[in-house]
Each structure stands twice: as structure tokens, then as C-alpha cells.
């Protein structure tokens, strides 16, 4: 029980740091969005730490989550710096695609992949939070509607690609298995 509490605290410390990051309040402050966008992925790790069985082992979950976010964030960053779409509030030219929507929808899709078969309510909650973050970004003139749609698509597709790549790296959920014994080496292919 004590180990679970430590893991939960470690998972939520970055969120607390984000909430305390800015000294000057602003009507367009992103502090709420900066925290809420991580709720779906933090929920995955909190559920796992509390002993709720998901679809993956710890190793597979960590590798697949990291691969998902690296692929999605890399794509988002590259597009932001290639497209130069001006934000509706004219604050900069990095509107397309929405990074907040990408993070939220990637986390929601990870939550769906890990716990969606256990209960549909996990998926509904994750996608609801991601949708709320996206709607908030549009309502506060931080993004156009197509920016958040692109961010959502990149988050979901990045998660699919991350799980595919992560499974190749970890060997879990792979169709191939190699066994090495003292007298032989065998290869199994699951159909």
C-alpha cells in the first residue's frame, strides 16, 4: 500500500508544479488547461498504481505511453513550426495543431486502450475531459476549431503508432515468440 501511495504522489507532483508555475494571473492564462490536459494519462497510471488491472504490464504501459507521446508531440511540434497558423487572439503563429488537444486526446486514447474493455465509463470520462480541454481552447480564442480537431487526430493516431512501436520494442502482444533452451532455439508464430 505504501508503494502505491508513493507512485501516486510521483505521478501527481508534475501536475502540482504546473499549477504553481505562473506568478502573474492573466485572463488568458493557460494554467487550468495546462493541468487538465494531463488528467486522462494521469488517471491511467493512478488506476494501475491502485491495483486496477489494465490491458498492459507496467513495462508495456510505460514504453507504449512514452512512444505514443514522443510520436504525437514530435508531429505536433513539427507542424506548428511548419504551418505558422496565427492564433485567434493574435498572440503568436503556433496555433495549428493544438498541443493541448493532442496531449489530452493521446491520454484519453491510452485510457481507452488500457481500461476501455473493463468499463466503457473509463473511455467516456477520458474522452469527455479531452473534449472539454479542446472546447475550452476554442472558446478562449487560443485555437480555431480545426486546430483542436487536428490535435485530437494526432493524439489518437500517435497513440496507435506508439502502441504498435512499443509492442515491437517490448515484445509483448507480439505475434512472434522466441525461446532459447539448453539444446534448442524455437520460434513460435501466433495466428
Protein backbone atom coordinates (compact mmCIF):
# COMPACT_ATOMS: atom_id res chain seq x y z
CA UNK A 1 0.00 0.00 0.00
CA UNK A 2 2.82 2.38 0.82
CA UNK A 3 4.45 1.80 -2.58
CA UNK A 4 1.18 2.62 -4.31
CA UNK A 5 0.90 5.89 -2.41
CA UNK A 6 4.46 6.85 -3.41
CA UNK A 7 3.73 6.08 -7.08
CA UNK A 8 0.53 8.16 -6.97
CA UNK A 9 2.38 11.08 -5.40
CA UNK A 10 5.14 10.88 -8.00
CA UNK A 11 2.52 10.83 -10.77
CA UNK A 12 0.81 13.97 -9.46
CA UNK A 13 3.87 16.08 -8.48
CA UNK A 14 4.39 17.40 -12.03
CA UNK A 15 0.74 18.45 -12.10
CA UNK A 16 1.17 20.41 -8.88
CA UNK A 17 4.29 22.07 -10.29
CA UNK A 18 2.38 23.11 -13.41
CA UNK A 19 -0.36 24.63 -11.29
CA UNK A 20 2.16 26.78 -9.37
CA UNK A 21 4.29 27.67 -12.39
CA UNK A 22 2.96 31.14 -13.25
CA UNK A 23 3.22 34.10 -10.88
CA UNK A 24 1.12 36.59 -12.83
CA UNK A 25 -2.56 35.85 -13.31
CA UNK A 26 -3.95 36.68 -16.71
CA UNK A 27 -7.42 36.43 -18.24
CA UNK A 28 -5.90 34.24 -20.96
CA UNK A 29 -3.79 32.18 -18.55
CA UNK A 30 -3.43 28.55 -19.58
CA UNK A 31 -2.86 27.21 -16.08
CA UNK A 32 -6.15 25.29 -15.91
CA UNK A 33 -5.65 23.79 -19.37
CA UNK A 34 -2.02 23.02 -18.60
CA UNK A 35 -3.14 20.77 -15.73
CA UNK A 36 -6.39 19.31 -17.02
CA UNK A 37 -4.87 18.07 -20.28
CA UNK A 38 -2.83 15.53 -18.26
CA UNK A 39 -5.80 14.13 -16.31
CA UNK A 40 -6.56 11.21 -18.69
CA UNK A 41 -2.98 9.87 -18.77
CA UNK A 42 -2.52 10.51 -15.04
CA UNK A 43 -5.70 8.50 -14.47
CA UNK A 44 -4.18 5.54 -16.29
CA UNK A 45 -1.15 5.48 -14.00
CA UNK A 46 -3.26 6.17 -10.88
CA UNK A 47 -5.58 3.25 -11.70
CA UNK A 48 -2.62 0.97 -12.38
CA UNK A 49 -0.91 2.05 -9.12
CA UNK A 50 -4.10 1.36 -7.16
CA UNK A 51 -4.16 -2.19 -8.48
CA UNK A 52 -6.88 -1.92 -11.13
CA UNK A 53 -5.89 -4.42 -13.82
CA UNK A 54 -5.45 -2.87 -17.24
CA UNK A 55 -4.54 -4.37 -20.60
CA UNK A 56 -0.78 -3.94 -20.10
CA UNK A 57 2.02 -4.75 -17.70
CA UNK A 58 3.90 -1.82 -16.15
CA UNK A 59 6.73 -2.24 -18.66
CA UNK A 60 4.41 -2.26 -21.67
CA UNK A 61 2.37 0.67 -20.31
CA UNK A 62 5.41 2.87 -19.74
CA UNK A 63 7.07 2.07 -23.09
CA UNK A 64 3.85 2.42 -25.09
CA UNK A 65 2.89 5.67 -23.36
CA UNK A 66 6.35 7.16 -23.94
CA UNK A 67 6.38 6.06 -27.58
CA UNK A 68 2.87 7.48 -28.09
CA UNK A 69 3.73 10.89 -26.68
CA UNK A 70 7.10 11.12 -28.45
CA UNK A 71 5.50 10.41 -31.82
CA UNK A 72 2.49 12.69 -31.26
CA UNK A 73 4.49 15.56 -29.72
CA UNK A 74 7.13 15.38 -32.43
CA UNK A 75 4.48 15.56 -35.12
CA UNK A 76 2.69 18.44 -33.37
CA UNK A 77 5.89 20.43 -32.85
CA UNK A 78 6.97 19.91 -36.45
CA UNK A 79 3.62 21.02 -37.82
CA UNK A 80 3.44 24.07 -35.52
CA UNK A 81 6.79 25.25 -36.85
CA UNK A 82 6.00 24.43 -40.48
CA UNK A 83 2.46 25.82 -40.79
CA UNK A 84 2.70 29.14 -38.86
CA UNK A 85 -1.07 29.49 -38.32
CA UNK A 86 -1.91 32.65 -36.33
CA UNK A 87 -3.94 32.12 -33.15
CA UNK A 88 -7.40 33.74 -32.99
CA UNK A 89 -6.14 36.04 -30.20
CA UNK A 90 -3.13 37.04 -32.38
CA UNK A 91 -0.64 36.09 -29.63
CA UNK A 92 1.64 34.02 -31.90
CA UNK A 93 1.79 31.87 -35.04
CA UNK A 94 1.80 28.41 -33.43
CA UNK A 95 -1.92 27.68 -33.45
CA UNK A 96 -2.03 24.64 -35.76
CA UNK A 97 -2.31 21.93 -34.41
CA UNK A 98 -3.35 22.25 -30.78
CA UNK A 99 -0.78 20.75 -28.44
CA UNK A 100 -3.25 20.77 -25.54
CA UNK A 101 -5.78 18.76 -27.57
CA UNK A 102 -3.03 16.38 -28.68
CA UNK A 103 -1.92 15.67 -25.10
CA UNK A 104 -5.49 15.30 -23.82
CA UNK A 105 -6.66 13.00 -26.62
CA UNK A 106 -3.50 10.89 -26.53
CA UNK A 107 -4.09 10.36 -22.81
CA UNK A 108 -7.78 9.61 -23.38
CA UNK A 109 -6.92 7.06 -26.06
CA UNK A 110 -4.34 5.42 -23.79
CA UNK A 111 -7.02 5.26 -21.05
CA UNK A 112 -9.39 3.69 -23.58
CA UNK A 113 -6.82 1.12 -24.72
CA UNK A 114 -5.90 0.16 -21.16
CA UNK A 115 -9.28 0.24 -19.39
CA UNK A 116 -11.98 0.60 -22.08
CA UNK A 117 -12.69 -3.13 -22.11
CA UNK A 118 -13.03 -3.15 -18.33
CA UNK A 119 -15.74 -0.45 -18.36
CA UNK A 120 -16.98 1.93 -21.04
CA UNK A 121 -17.11 4.68 -18.39
CA UNK A 122 -13.31 4.95 -18.30
CA UNK A 123 -13.33 5.75 -22.02
CA UNK A 124 -16.26 8.16 -21.72
CA UNK A 125 -14.54 10.02 -18.87
CA UNK A 126 -11.22 10.28 -20.71
CA UNK A 127 -12.69 11.49 -23.99
CA UNK A 128 -15.01 13.91 -22.11
CA UNK A 129 -12.05 15.56 -20.37
CA UNK A 130 -10.16 15.77 -23.68
CA UNK A 131 -13.19 17.28 -25.41
CA UNK A 132 -13.63 19.81 -22.57
CA UNK A 133 -9.99 20.89 -22.90
CA UNK A 134 -10.41 21.31 -26.66
CA UNK A 135 -13.69 23.25 -26.39
CA UNK A 136 -12.12 25.49 -23.74
CA UNK A 137 -9.20 26.27 -26.07
CA UNK A 138 -11.59 27.33 -28.83
CA UNK A 139 -13.89 29.32 -26.52
CA UNK A 140 -10.96 31.28 -25.09
CA UNK A 141 -9.64 32.14 -28.58
CA UNK A 142 -6.45 30.16 -28.18
CA UNK A 143 -7.26 27.92 -31.17
CA UNK A 144 -9.54 27.58 -34.17
CA UNK A 145 -11.86 24.56 -34.21
CA UNK A 146 -9.74 22.88 -36.89
CA UNK A 147 -6.60 23.28 -34.74
CA UNK A 148 -8.11 21.19 -31.94
CA UNK A 149 -9.51 18.63 -34.41
CA UNK A 150 -6.03 18.20 -35.87
CA UNK A 151 -4.52 17.97 -32.38
CA UNK A 152 -7.07 15.32 -31.39
CA UNK A 153 -6.37 13.29 -34.53
CA UNK A 154 -2.61 13.48 -33.99
CA UNK A 155 -3.02 12.39 -30.35
CA UNK A 156 -5.13 9.37 -31.26
CA UNK A 157 -3.01 8.35 -34.27
CA UNK A 158 0.19 8.91 -32.27
CA UNK A 159 -1.14 6.58 -29.58
CA UNK A 160 -1.98 3.89 -32.13
CA UNK A 161 1.50 4.19 -33.66
CA UNK A 162 3.10 4.33 -30.20
CA UNK A 163 1.39 1.12 -29.11
CA UNK A 164 2.44 -0.61 -32.32
CA UNK A 165 6.06 0.56 -31.91
CA UNK A 166 6.11 -0.09 -28.15
CA UNK A 167 4.88 -3.64 -28.66
CA UNK A 168 7.68 -4.20 -31.16
CA UNK A 169 10.20 -2.88 -28.60
CA UNK A 170 8.91 -4.83 -25.58
CA UNK A 171 7.89 -7.97 -27.45
CA UNK A 172 4.60 -8.07 -25.58
CA UNK A 173 1.45 -8.73 -27.59
CA UNK A 174 3.70 -9.70 -30.47
CA UNK A 175 2.79 -12.48 -32.88
CA UNK A 176 6.30 -13.89 -32.56
CA UNK A 177 7.95 -15.55 -29.57
CA UNK A 178 11.50 -16.85 -29.39
CA UNK A 179 12.51 -19.41 -26.77
CA UNK A 180 16.11 -20.41 -26.09
CA UNK A 181 16.80 -23.67 -24.29
CA UNK A 182 19.97 -25.64 -23.50
CA UNK A 183 19.51 -27.87 -26.55
CA UNK A 184 17.50 -25.74 -28.98
CA UNK A 185 16.10 -22.43 -30.13
CA UNK A 186 12.43 -22.26 -31.11
CA UNK A 187 10.29 -19.66 -32.85
CA UNK A 188 6.51 -19.52 -32.35
CA UNK A 189 4.09 -17.59 -34.54
CA UNK A 190 0.61 -16.99 -33.14
CA UNK A 191 -2.24 -16.83 -35.65
